[in-house]
């Protein structure tokens, strides 16, 4: 069974940039995949699992931006560094914008 079938939420690959604020402000990293509950980001600096991060996701197609809070749940150890982040706080406005990209009509 393909890994995508094991996921609780489908993943969508999008064009977007985000700022991660954990120990340091990390900007312009590549957003690799996004779902309603998590995202995967390629980063330059490693954060450790458990760190809470503030994320600002800008959708390049429209310049819409959402701010959410997430928690790092996994990190790769070899380049390119990637982190998996579980979304833990998404307000209604951010959820509405995310739904537009995750559930296009």
C-alpha atoms as a PDB file:
ATOM      1  CA  UNK A   1       0.000   0.000   0.000  1.00  0.00           C
ATOM      2  CA  UNK A   2       1.462   3.428  -0.900  1.00  0.00           C
ATOM      3  CA  UNK A   3       2.467   5.581   2.106  1.00  0.00           C
ATOM      4  CA  UNK A   4      -0.142   8.204   1.177  1.00  0.00           C
ATOM      5  CA  UNK A   5      -2.883   5.673   1.933  1.00  0.00           C
ATOM      6  CA  UNK A   6      -1.639   5.340   5.527  1.00  0.00           C
ATOM      7  CA  UNK A   7      -2.133   9.035   6.300  1.00  0.00           C
ATOM      8  CA  UNK A   8      -5.047  10.403   8.301  1.00  0.00           C
ATOM      9  CA  UNK A   9      -5.142  13.526   6.118  1.00  0.00           C
ATOM     10  CA  UNK A  10      -4.201  13.734   2.429  1.00  0.00           C
ATOM     11  CA  UNK A  11      -1.044  15.698   1.611  1.00  0.00           C
ATOM     12  CA  UNK A  12      -0.939  18.403  -1.029  1.00  0.00           C
ATOM     13  CA  UNK A  13       2.226  19.745  -2.633  1.00  0.00           C
ATOM     14  CA  UNK A  14       2.019  23.510  -3.025  1.00  0.00           C
ATOM     15  CA  UNK A  15       4.225  26.474  -3.767  1.00  0.00           C
ATOM     16  CA  UNK A  16       4.731  28.505  -0.635  1.00  0.00           C
ATOM     17  CA  UNK A  17       7.218  30.126   1.657  1.00  0.00           C
ATOM     18  CA  UNK A  18       7.021  30.243   5.401  1.00  0.00           C
ATOM     19  CA  UNK A  19       8.758  31.703   8.397  1.00  0.00           C
ATOM     20  CA  UNK A  20       9.450  29.333  11.269  1.00  0.00           C
ATOM     21  CA  UNK A  21      10.043  30.845  14.664  1.00  0.00           C
ATOM     22  CA  UNK A  22      11.482  28.415  17.181  1.00  0.00           C
ATOM     23  CA  UNK A  23      14.902  29.174  18.619  1.00  0.00           C
ATOM     24  CA  UNK A  24      15.588  31.496  15.689  1.00  0.00           C
ATOM     25  CA  UNK A  25      13.584  33.034  12.890  1.00  0.00           C
ATOM     26  CA  UNK A  26      14.045  30.856   9.835  1.00  0.00           C
ATOM     27  CA  UNK A  27      12.687  32.294   6.622  1.00  0.00           C
ATOM     28  CA  UNK A  28      12.153  31.263   3.029  1.00  0.00           C
ATOM     29  CA  UNK A  29      12.318  27.528   3.516  1.00  0.00           C
ATOM     30  CA  UNK A  30      10.711  25.180   1.060  1.00  0.00           C
ATOM     31  CA  UNK A  31       7.288  23.943   2.056  1.00  0.00           C
ATOM     32  CA  UNK A  32       7.224  20.384   0.697  1.00  0.00           C
ATOM     33  CA  UNK A  33       3.783  19.122   1.724  1.00  0.00           C
ATOM     34  CA  UNK A  34       0.783  20.404   3.619  1.00  0.00           C
ATOM     35  CA  UNK A  35      -2.339  18.824   5.091  1.00  0.00           C
ATOM     36  CA  UNK A  36      -5.014  20.031   7.509  1.00  0.00           C
ATOM     37  CA  UNK A  37      -3.025  18.611  10.424  1.00  0.00           C
ATOM     38  CA  UNK A  38       0.658  18.806   9.473  1.00  0.00           C
ATOM     39  CA  UNK A  39       3.327  19.953   7.072  1.00  0.00           C
ATOM     40  CA  UNK A  40       6.799  19.006   5.919  1.00  0.00           C
ATOM     41  CA  UNK A  41       9.440  21.691   5.437  1.00  0.00           C
ATOM     42  CA  UNK A  42      12.983  21.584   4.087  1.00  0.00           C
ATOM     43  CA  UNK A  43      15.107  23.706   6.433  1.00  0.00           C
ATOM     44  CA  UNK A  44      18.655  24.993   6.796  1.00  0.00           C
ATOM     45  CA  UNK A  45      18.810  24.747  10.582  1.00  0.00           C
ATOM     46  CA  UNK A  46      17.714  21.722  12.608  1.00  0.00           C
ATOM     47  CA  UNK A  47      15.054  22.074  15.305  1.00  0.00           C
ATOM     48  CA  UNK A  48      14.618  19.251  17.781  1.00  0.00           C
ATOM     49  CA  UNK A  49      11.363  17.300  18.143  1.00  0.00           C
ATOM     50  CA  UNK A  50       8.984  18.808  20.676  1.00  0.00           C
ATOM     51  CA  UNK A  51       9.875  22.431  19.904  1.00  0.00           C
ATOM     52  CA  UNK A  52       6.826  24.645  19.383  1.00  0.00           C
ATOM     53  CA  UNK A  53       7.132  26.856  16.318  1.00  0.00           C
ATOM     54  CA  UNK A  54       5.138  29.772  14.984  1.00  0.00           C
ATOM     55  CA  UNK A  55       4.589  29.474  11.242  1.00  0.00           C
ATOM     56  CA  UNK A  56       3.635  32.012   8.664  1.00  0.00           C
ATOM     57  CA  UNK A  57       2.656  30.365   5.380  1.00  0.00           C
ATOM     58  CA  UNK A  58       2.345  32.532   2.276  1.00  0.00           C
ATOM     59  CA  UNK A  59       0.655  31.030  -0.766  1.00  0.00           C
ATOM     60  CA  UNK A  60       2.548  32.373  -3.755  1.00  0.00           C
ATOM     61  CA  UNK A  61      -0.370  32.007  -6.151  1.00  0.00           C
ATOM     62  CA  UNK A  62      -2.418  34.595  -4.266  1.00  0.00           C
ATOM     63  CA  UNK A  63      -0.154  36.257  -1.686  1.00  0.00           C
ATOM     64  CA  UNK A  64      -2.537  35.033   1.038  1.00  0.00           C
ATOM     65  CA  UNK A  65      -0.822  34.413   4.356  1.00  0.00           C
ATOM     66  CA  UNK A  66      -1.872  32.337   7.358  1.00  0.00           C
ATOM     67  CA  UNK A  67      -0.306  32.190  10.807  1.00  0.00           C
ATOM     68  CA  UNK A  68      -0.441  28.918  12.743  1.00  0.00           C
ATOM     69  CA  UNK A  69       1.334  27.231  15.635  1.00  0.00           C
ATOM     70  CA  UNK A  70       2.918  23.814  15.268  1.00  0.00           C
ATOM     71  CA  UNK A  71       5.115  21.335  17.073  1.00  0.00           C
ATOM     72  CA  UNK A  72       8.128  19.625  15.508  1.00  0.00           C
ATOM     73  CA  UNK A  73       7.431  15.875  15.547  1.00  0.00           C
ATOM     74  CA  UNK A  74      10.301  14.533  13.433  1.00  0.00           C
ATOM     75  CA  UNK A  75      13.563  15.703  11.873  1.00  0.00           C
ATOM     76  CA  UNK A  76      15.893  14.125   9.329  1.00  0.00           C
ATOM     77  CA  UNK A  77      19.568  13.893  10.274  1.00  0.00           C
ATOM     78  CA  UNK A  78      21.083  13.973   6.802  1.00  0.00           C
ATOM     79  CA  UNK A  79      20.836  16.758   4.220  1.00  0.00           C
ATOM     80  CA  UNK A  80      18.592  18.000   2.932  1.00  0.00           C
ATOM     81  CA  UNK A  81      17.254  18.628   6.439  1.00  0.00           C
ATOM     82  CA  UNK A  82      13.503  18.222   6.695  1.00  0.00           C
ATOM     83  CA  UNK A  83      11.140  18.633   9.608  1.00  0.00           C
ATOM     84  CA  UNK A  84       7.639  17.313  10.133  1.00  0.00           C
ATOM     85  CA  UNK A  85       5.413  19.712  12.012  1.00  0.00           C
ATOM     86  CA  UNK A  86       2.046  18.890  13.544  1.00  0.00           C
ATOM     87  CA  UNK A  87      -0.316  21.866  13.538  1.00  0.00           C
ATOM     88  CA  UNK A  88      -1.559  22.505  17.071  1.00  0.00           C
ATOM     89  CA  UNK A  89      -3.286  25.892  16.789  1.00  0.00           C
ATOM     90  CA  UNK A  90      -5.118  26.970  13.651  1.00  0.00           C
ATOM     91  CA  UNK A  91      -7.756  29.685  13.958  1.00  0.00           C
ATOM     92  CA  UNK A  92     -10.910  29.774  11.836  1.00  0.00           C
ATOM     93  CA  UNK A  93      -9.528  32.328   9.364  1.00  0.00           C
ATOM     94  CA  UNK A  94      -6.375  30.257   8.770  1.00  0.00           C
ATOM     95  CA  UNK A  95      -8.419  27.053   8.479  1.00  0.00           C
ATOM     96  CA  UNK A  96     -10.599  28.699   5.820  1.00  0.00           C
ATOM     97  CA  UNK A  97      -7.576  29.704   3.719  1.00  0.00           C
ATOM     98  CA  UNK A  98      -5.963  26.265   4.129  1.00  0.00           C
ATOM     99  CA  UNK A  99      -9.202  24.587   3.045  1.00  0.00           C
ATOM    100  CA  UNK A 100      -9.220  26.647  -0.141  1.00  0.00           C
ATOM    101  CA  UNK A 101      -5.878  25.106  -1.158  1.00  0.00           C
ATOM    102  CA  UNK A 102      -6.425  21.625   0.267  1.00  0.00           C
ATOM    103  CA  UNK A 103      -9.989  21.159  -0.990  1.00  0.00           C
ATOM    104  CA  UNK A 104     -10.153  23.039  -4.294  1.00  0.00           C
ATOM    105  CA  UNK A 105     -13.494  22.867  -6.092  1.00  0.00           C
END
